[in-house]
């Protein structure tokens, strides 16, 4: 039997996910967490087998939680659920240790298919994500953004969307100095000079929602 923790800051979405999972005989218990910190607290206090995780959580981001899971709860399987398309985050979160990635507009049937696959100990790869992985393999040149770490890519997408350094720092509960350092790393790794270069690249490569 599997214990599932749903981590998302939208109560309506958590309720919908829980309703979809309740009838599955393989699932014994379903918990809910509304913030990143609450998610970590519940992981420490309970025995969970599967975490359904929103990538964009308040207090502690989904990327941070995924890193913590990888080191602190290596047996825990994670299905990342996001409002962002596969091209923007999926490959990076799989590299970071996630067992699967679904967009929030996925049908309930696909959610259950993903959960079932992951419960069996396998990774879930949607057809869309499979095509992206094939594109990466077939590409003669590795896309610049794939050399960014998970945190650097997170900062990259926010800068590309026009967010200021101070806004990003406030949202991720990090200092302005730290975000500025990440911005410098992104610019250096991608051989860019300005935020406008980041935005242009993101638009050309379909990395903005």
C-alpha atoms as a PDB file:
ATOM      1  CA  UNK A   1       0.000   0.000   0.000  1.00  0.00           C
ATOM      2  CA  UNK A   2       1.164   3.506  -0.837  1.00  0.00           C
ATOM      3  CA  UNK A   3       0.988   6.698   1.210  1.00  0.00           C
ATOM      4  CA  UNK A   4       0.728   9.791  -0.991  1.00  0.00           C
ATOM      5  CA  UNK A   5       1.462  13.398  -0.012  1.00  0.00           C
ATOM      6  CA  UNK A   6       0.010  16.123  -2.262  1.00  0.00           C
ATOM      7  CA  UNK A   7       1.942  19.405  -2.079  1.00  0.00           C
ATOM      8  CA  UNK A   8       0.282  22.350  -3.810  1.00  0.00           C
ATOM      9  CA  UNK A   9      -0.682  25.826  -2.632  1.00  0.00           C
ATOM     10  CA  UNK A  10      -4.110  25.704  -4.306  1.00  0.00           C
ATOM     11  CA  UNK A  11      -6.724  24.006  -2.118  1.00  0.00           C
ATOM     12  CA  UNK A  12      -9.036  23.338  -5.065  1.00  0.00           C
ATOM     13  CA  UNK A  13      -6.328  21.511  -6.982  1.00  0.00           C
ATOM     14  CA  UNK A  14      -5.344  19.461  -3.924  1.00  0.00           C
ATOM     15  CA  UNK A  15      -8.984  18.502  -3.470  1.00  0.00           C
ATOM     16  CA  UNK A  16      -9.295  17.452  -7.107  1.00  0.00           C
ATOM     17  CA  UNK A  17      -6.136  15.367  -6.975  1.00  0.00           C
ATOM     18  CA  UNK A  18      -7.236  13.713  -3.751  1.00  0.00           C
ATOM     19  CA  UNK A  19     -10.642  12.888  -5.215  1.00  0.00           C
ATOM     20  CA  UNK A  20      -8.985  11.289  -8.235  1.00  0.00           C
ATOM     21  CA  UNK A  21      -6.737   9.136  -6.032  1.00  0.00           C
ATOM     22  CA  UNK A  22      -9.218   8.070  -3.343  1.00  0.00           C
ATOM     23  CA  UNK A  23     -10.650   5.180  -5.342  1.00  0.00           C
ATOM     24  CA  UNK A  24      -7.255   3.593  -6.066  1.00  0.00           C
ATOM     25  CA  UNK A  25      -6.906   0.435  -3.978  1.00  0.00           C
ATOM     26  CA  UNK A  26      -3.120   0.702  -4.039  1.00  0.00           C
ATOM     27  CA  UNK A  27      -3.267   3.928  -2.021  1.00  0.00           C
ATOM     28  CA  UNK A  28      -3.699   3.722   1.751  1.00  0.00           C
ATOM     29  CA  UNK A  29      -3.380   7.316   2.953  1.00  0.00           C
ATOM     30  CA  UNK A  30      -3.414  10.744   1.283  1.00  0.00           C
ATOM     31  CA  UNK A  31      -1.980  13.845   2.964  1.00  0.00           C
ATOM     32  CA  UNK A  32      -1.956  17.490   1.926  1.00  0.00           C
ATOM     33  CA  UNK A  33       0.575  20.304   2.260  1.00  0.00           C
ATOM     34  CA  UNK A  34       0.005  23.936   1.182  1.00  0.00           C
ATOM     35  CA  UNK A  35       3.535  25.381   1.410  1.00  0.00           C
ATOM     36  CA  UNK A  36       7.081  24.259   0.827  1.00  0.00           C
ATOM     37  CA  UNK A  37       7.950  24.349   4.512  1.00  0.00           C
ATOM     38  CA  UNK A  38       4.810  22.423   5.467  1.00  0.00           C
ATOM     39  CA  UNK A  39       5.763  19.809   2.884  1.00  0.00           C
ATOM     40  CA  UNK A  40       9.189  19.322   4.464  1.00  0.00           C
ATOM     41  CA  UNK A  41       7.663  19.168   7.950  1.00  0.00           C
ATOM     42  CA  UNK A  42       5.175  16.493   6.890  1.00  0.00           C
ATOM     43  CA  UNK A  43       7.898  14.482   5.173  1.00  0.00           C
ATOM     44  CA  UNK A  44       9.853  14.415   8.441  1.00  0.00           C
ATOM     45  CA  UNK A  45       6.818  13.517  10.550  1.00  0.00           C
ATOM     46  CA  UNK A  46       5.199  10.820   8.385  1.00  0.00           C
ATOM     47  CA  UNK A  47       6.006   7.803   6.256  1.00  0.00           C
ATOM     48  CA  UNK A  48       5.332   8.694   2.640  1.00  0.00           C
ATOM     49  CA  UNK A  49       5.981   6.679  -0.502  1.00  0.00           C
ATOM     50  CA  UNK A  50       4.977   9.183  -3.195  1.00  0.00           C
ATOM     51  CA  UNK A  51       5.083  12.981  -3.239  1.00  0.00           C
ATOM     52  CA  UNK A  52       3.000  14.822  -5.844  1.00  0.00           C
ATOM     53  CA  UNK A  53       4.799  18.154  -5.900  1.00  0.00           C
ATOM     54  CA  UNK A  54       3.945  21.524  -7.428  1.00  0.00           C
ATOM     55  CA  UNK A  55       7.153  23.033  -8.824  1.00  0.00           C
ATOM     56  CA  UNK A  56       6.108  26.563  -7.778  1.00  0.00           C
ATOM     57  CA  UNK A  57       5.499  26.405  -4.010  1.00  0.00           C
ATOM     58  CA  UNK A  58       5.521  29.321  -1.531  1.00  0.00           C
ATOM     59  CA  UNK A  59       8.186  29.504   1.211  1.00  0.00           C
ATOM     60  CA  UNK A  60      10.340  26.743  -0.308  1.00  0.00           C
ATOM     61  CA  UNK A  61      10.285  26.122  -4.047  1.00  0.00           C
ATOM     62  CA  UNK A  62       9.602  22.739  -5.558  1.00  0.00           C
ATOM     63  CA  UNK A  63      13.191  22.682  -6.836  1.00  0.00           C
ATOM     64  CA  UNK A  64      14.481  23.121  -3.276  1.00  0.00           C
ATOM     65  CA  UNK A  65      12.156  20.411  -1.971  1.00  0.00           C
ATOM     66  CA  UNK A  66      13.242  18.024  -4.720  1.00  0.00           C
ATOM     67  CA  UNK A  67      16.892  18.529  -3.765  1.00  0.00           C
ATOM     68  CA  UNK A  68      16.052  17.929  -0.109  1.00  0.00           C
ATOM     69  CA  UNK A  69      14.157  14.746  -0.972  1.00  0.00           C
ATOM     70  CA  UNK A  70      17.080  13.422  -2.981  1.00  0.00           C
ATOM     71  CA  UNK A  71      19.437  13.745   0.000  1.00  0.00           C
ATOM     72  CA  UNK A  72      17.092  13.269   2.974  1.00  0.00           C
ATOM     73  CA  UNK A  73      14.486  10.828   1.609  1.00  0.00           C
ATOM     74  CA  UNK A  74      16.197   8.893  -1.202  1.00  0.00           C
ATOM     75  CA  UNK A  75      13.490   6.187  -1.301  1.00  0.00           C
ATOM     76  CA  UNK A  76      10.667   8.709  -1.766  1.00  0.00           C
ATOM     77  CA  UNK A  77       9.328   8.913  -5.313  1.00  0.00           C
ATOM     78  CA  UNK A  78       8.311  12.342  -6.635  1.00  0.00           C
ATOM     79  CA  UNK A  79       5.811  13.216  -9.351  1.00  0.00           C
ATOM     80  CA  UNK A  80       6.252  16.878 -10.268  1.00  0.00           C
ATOM     81  CA  UNK A  81       3.064  18.685 -11.241  1.00  0.00           C
ATOM     82  CA  UNK A  82       3.417  22.072 -12.899  1.00  0.00           C
ATOM     83  CA  UNK A  83       1.564  24.764 -14.786  1.00  0.00           C
ATOM     84  CA  UNK A  84       4.590  25.107 -17.044  1.00  0.00           C
ATOM     85  CA  UNK A  85       4.948  23.094 -20.279  1.00  0.00           C
ATOM     86  CA  UNK A  86       7.322  20.118 -20.416  1.00  0.00           C
ATOM     87  CA  UNK A  87       9.901  22.020 -22.450  1.00  0.00           C
ATOM     88  CA  UNK A  88      10.433  24.498 -19.624  1.00  0.00           C
ATOM     89  CA  UNK A  89      11.102  22.261 -16.635  1.00  0.00           C
ATOM     90  CA  UNK A  90      10.612  18.543 -17.294  1.00  0.00           C
ATOM     91  CA  UNK A  91      14.092  17.472 -18.374  1.00  0.00           C
ATOM     92  CA  UNK A  92      15.724  19.399 -15.544  1.00  0.00           C
ATOM     93  CA  UNK A  93      13.491  17.992 -12.798  1.00  0.00           C
ATOM     94  CA  UNK A  94      14.015  14.446 -14.088  1.00  0.00           C
ATOM     95  CA  UNK A  95      17.750  15.021 -13.945  1.00  0.00           C
ATOM     96  CA  UNK A  96      17.275  16.304 -10.400  1.00  0.00           C
ATOM     97  CA  UNK A  97      15.724  13.000  -9.355  1.00  0.00           C
ATOM     98  CA  UNK A  98      11.987  13.277 -10.040  1.00  0.00           C
ATOM     99  CA  UNK A  99      10.170  10.092 -11.082  1.00  0.00           C
ATOM    100  CA  UNK A 100       7.814  11.900 -13.448  1.00  0.00           C
ATOM    101  CA  UNK A 101       6.467  15.238 -14.678  1.00  0.00           C
ATOM    102  CA  UNK A 102       2.912  16.243 -15.547  1.00  0.00           C
ATOM    103  CA  UNK A 103       1.395  19.564 -16.537  1.00  0.00           C
ATOM    104  CA  UNK A 104      -1.648  20.693 -14.551  1.00  0.00           C
ATOM    105  CA  UNK A 105      -3.864  20.537 -17.620  1.00  0.00           C
ATOM    106  CA  UNK A 106      -3.288  16.774 -17.929  1.00  0.00           C
ATOM    107  CA  UNK A 107      -6.372  14.569 -17.809  1.00  0.00           C
ATOM    108  CA  UNK A 108      -7.199  12.580 -14.678  1.00  0.00           C
ATOM    109  CA  UNK A 109      -6.528   9.376 -16.624  1.00  0.00           C
ATOM    110  CA  UNK A 110      -2.955  10.459 -17.314  1.00  0.00           C
ATOM    111  CA  UNK A 111      -2.470  11.336 -13.635  1.00  0.00           C
ATOM    112  CA  UNK A 112      -3.561   7.837 -12.607  1.00  0.00           C
ATOM    113  CA  UNK A 113      -1.338   6.308 -15.280  1.00  0.00           C
ATOM    114  CA  UNK A 114       1.626   8.313 -13.977  1.00  0.00           C
ATOM    115  CA  UNK A 115       0.910   7.408 -10.356  1.00  0.00           C
ATOM    116  CA  UNK A 116       0.552   3.733 -11.233  1.00  0.00           C
ATOM    117  CA  UNK A 117       3.802   3.722 -13.190  1.00  0.00           C
ATOM    118  CA  UNK A 118       5.730   5.409 -10.396  1.00  0.00           C
ATOM    119  CA  UNK A 119       4.247   3.154  -7.688  1.00  0.00           C
ATOM    120  CA  UNK A 120       5.639   0.216  -9.674  1.00  0.00           C
ATOM    121  CA  UNK A 121       9.105   1.733  -9.314  1.00  0.00           C
ATOM    122  CA  UNK A 122       9.438   3.102 -12.827  1.00  0.00           C
ATOM    123  CA  UNK A 123       9.694   6.634 -14.189  1.00  0.00           C
ATOM    124  CA  UNK A 124       6.734   8.143 -15.977  1.00  0.00           C
ATOM    125  CA  UNK A 125       7.539   9.834 -19.295  1.00  0.00           C
ATOM    126  CA  UNK A 126       4.637  11.431 -21.165  1.00  0.00           C
ATOM    127  CA  UNK A 127       4.525  11.235 -24.951  1.00  0.00           C
ATOM    128  CA  UNK A 128       5.288  14.960 -25.197  1.00  0.00           C
ATOM    129  CA  UNK A 129       8.306  14.633 -22.914  1.00  0.00           C
ATOM    130  CA  UNK A 130       9.504  11.555 -24.812  1.00  0.00           C
ATOM    131  CA  UNK A 131       9.556  13.619 -28.001  1.00  0.00           C
ATOM    132  CA  UNK A 132      11.602  16.314 -26.263  1.00  0.00           C
ATOM    133  CA  UNK A 133      14.113  13.732 -25.043  1.00  0.00           C
ATOM    134  CA  UNK A 134      14.441  12.355 -28.564  1.00  0.00           C
ATOM    135  CA  UNK A 135      14.984  15.873 -29.876  1.00  0.00           C
ATOM    136  CA  UNK A 136      17.787  16.342 -27.345  1.00  0.00           C
ATOM    137  CA  UNK A 137      19.423  13.085 -28.442  1.00  0.00           C
ATOM    138  CA  UNK A 138      19.112  13.920 -32.145  1.00  0.00           C
ATOM    139  CA  UNK A 139      20.281  17.525 -31.774  1.00  0.00           C
ATOM    140  CA  UNK A 140      23.761  18.202 -33.087  1.00  0.00           C
ATOM    141  CA  UNK A 141      24.210  21.100 -30.679  1.00  0.00           C
ATOM    142  CA  UNK A 142      23.322  20.913 -26.984  1.00  0.00           C
ATOM    143  CA  UNK A 143      20.921  23.778 -26.064  1.00  0.00           C
ATOM    144  CA  UNK A 144      22.610  26.413 -23.925  1.00  0.00           C
ATOM    145  CA  UNK A 145      20.050  26.196 -21.112  1.00  0.00           C
ATOM    146  CA  UNK A 146      20.746  22.492 -20.476  1.00  0.00           C
ATOM    147  CA  UNK A 147      24.095  23.367 -18.899  1.00  0.00           C
ATOM    148  CA  UNK A 148      22.358  25.326 -16.126  1.00  0.00           C
ATOM    149  CA  UNK A 149      21.776  23.789 -12.704  1.00  0.00           C
ATOM    150  CA  UNK A 150      18.181  23.397 -11.480  1.00  0.00           C
ATOM    151  CA  UNK A 151      18.393  26.594  -9.423  1.00  0.00           C
ATOM    152  CA  UNK A 152      20.106  28.511 -12.235  1.00  0.00           C
ATOM    153  CA  UNK A 153      17.399  27.398 -14.662  1.00  0.00           C
ATOM    154  CA  UNK A 154      14.716  28.509 -12.203  1.00  0.00           C
ATOM    155  CA  UNK A 155      16.317  31.970 -11.995  1.00  0.00           C
ATOM    156  CA  UNK A 156      16.761  31.985 -15.778  1.00  0.00           C
ATOM    157  CA  UNK A 157      13.025  31.451 -16.415  1.00  0.00           C
ATOM    158  CA  UNK A 158      12.042  34.189 -13.976  1.00  0.00           C
ATOM    159  CA  UNK A 159      14.502  36.654 -15.513  1.00  0.00           C
ATOM    160  CA  UNK A 160      13.246  35.706 -18.974  1.00  0.00           C
ATOM    161  CA  UNK A 161       9.710  36.513 -17.847  1.00  0.00           C
ATOM    162  CA  UNK A 162      10.823  40.031 -16.901  1.00  0.00           C
ATOM    163  CA  UNK A 163      11.026  39.563 -13.127  1.00  0.00           C
ATOM    164  CA  UNK A 164      13.425  41.845 -11.246  1.00  0.00           C
ATOM    165  CA  UNK A 165      16.224  40.504  -9.049  1.00  0.00           C
ATOM    166  CA  UNK A 166      14.520  41.880  -5.928  1.00  0.00           C
ATOM    167  CA  UNK A 167      11.175  40.284  -6.849  1.00  0.00           C
ATOM    168  CA  UNK A 168      12.825  36.905  -7.418  1.00  0.00           C
ATOM    169  CA  UNK A 169      14.715  37.185  -4.136  1.00  0.00           C
ATOM    170  CA  UNK A 170      11.491  37.908  -2.263  1.00  0.00           C
ATOM    171  CA  UNK A 171       9.618  35.047  -3.917  1.00  0.00           C
ATOM    172  CA  UNK A 172      12.353  32.459  -3.279  1.00  0.00           C
ATOM    173  CA  UNK A 173      13.245  33.745   0.207  1.00  0.00           C
ATOM    174  CA  UNK A 174      16.831  34.414  -0.828  1.00  0.00           C
ATOM    175  CA  UNK A 175      18.948  37.553  -0.630  1.00  0.00           C
ATOM    176  CA  UNK A 176      19.235  39.976  -3.528  1.00  0.00           C
ATOM    177  CA  UNK A 177      22.984  39.282  -3.515  1.00  0.00           C
ATOM    178  CA  UNK A 178      22.382  35.551  -3.948  1.00  0.00           C
ATOM    179  CA  UNK A 179      19.989  36.078  -6.874  1.00  0.00           C
ATOM    180  CA  UNK A 180      22.448  38.505  -8.467  1.00  0.00           C
ATOM    181  CA  UNK A 181      25.147  35.845  -8.201  1.00  0.00           C
ATOM    182  CA  UNK A 182      22.898  33.289  -9.908  1.00  0.00           C
ATOM    183  CA  UNK A 183      22.075  35.825 -12.620  1.00  0.00           C
ATOM    184  CA  UNK A 184      25.789  36.365 -13.252  1.00  0.00           C
ATOM    185  CA  UNK A 185      26.340  32.606 -13.534  1.00  0.00           C
ATOM    186  CA  UNK A 186      23.484  32.284 -16.013  1.00  0.00           C
ATOM    187  CA  UNK A 187      24.829  35.105 -18.177  1.00  0.00           C
ATOM    188  CA  UNK A 188      28.350  33.672 -18.062  1.00  0.00           C
ATOM    189  CA  UNK A 189      27.350  30.070 -18.868  1.00  0.00           C
ATOM    190  CA  UNK A 190      25.130  31.139 -21.749  1.00  0.00           C
ATOM    191  CA  UNK A 191      27.514  33.825 -22.992  1.00  0.00           C
ATOM    192  CA  UNK A 192      24.874  36.542 -22.657  1.00  0.00           C
ATOM    193  CA  UNK A 193      25.273  40.154 -21.588  1.00  0.00           C
ATOM    194  CA  UNK A 194      21.795  41.302 -20.563  1.00  0.00           C
ATOM    195  CA  UNK A 195      18.386  40.092 -19.390  1.00  0.00           C
ATOM    196  CA  UNK A 196      17.084  40.949 -22.851  1.00  0.00           C
ATOM    197  CA  UNK A 197      19.377  38.247 -24.277  1.00  0.00           C
ATOM    198  CA  UNK A 198      17.861  35.774 -21.811  1.00  0.00           C
ATOM    199  CA  UNK A 199      14.311  36.707 -22.796  1.00  0.00           C
ATOM    200  CA  UNK A 200      15.071  36.498 -26.510  1.00  0.00           C
ATOM    201  CA  UNK A 201      16.622  33.049 -26.109  1.00  0.00           C
ATOM    202  CA  UNK A 202      13.703  31.816 -23.992  1.00  0.00           C
ATOM    203  CA  UNK A 203      11.164  32.983 -26.572  1.00  0.00           C
ATOM    204  CA  UNK A 204      13.044  31.409 -29.477  1.00  0.00           C
ATOM    205  CA  UNK A 205      13.285  28.069 -27.658  1.00  0.00           C
ATOM    206  CA  UNK A 206       9.728  27.932 -26.304  1.00  0.00           C
ATOM    207  CA  UNK A 207      10.805  28.220 -22.670  1.00  0.00           C
ATOM    208  CA  UNK A 208       8.253  30.837 -21.642  1.00  0.00           C
ATOM    209  CA  UNK A 209       4.713  29.900 -20.701  1.00  0.00           C
END
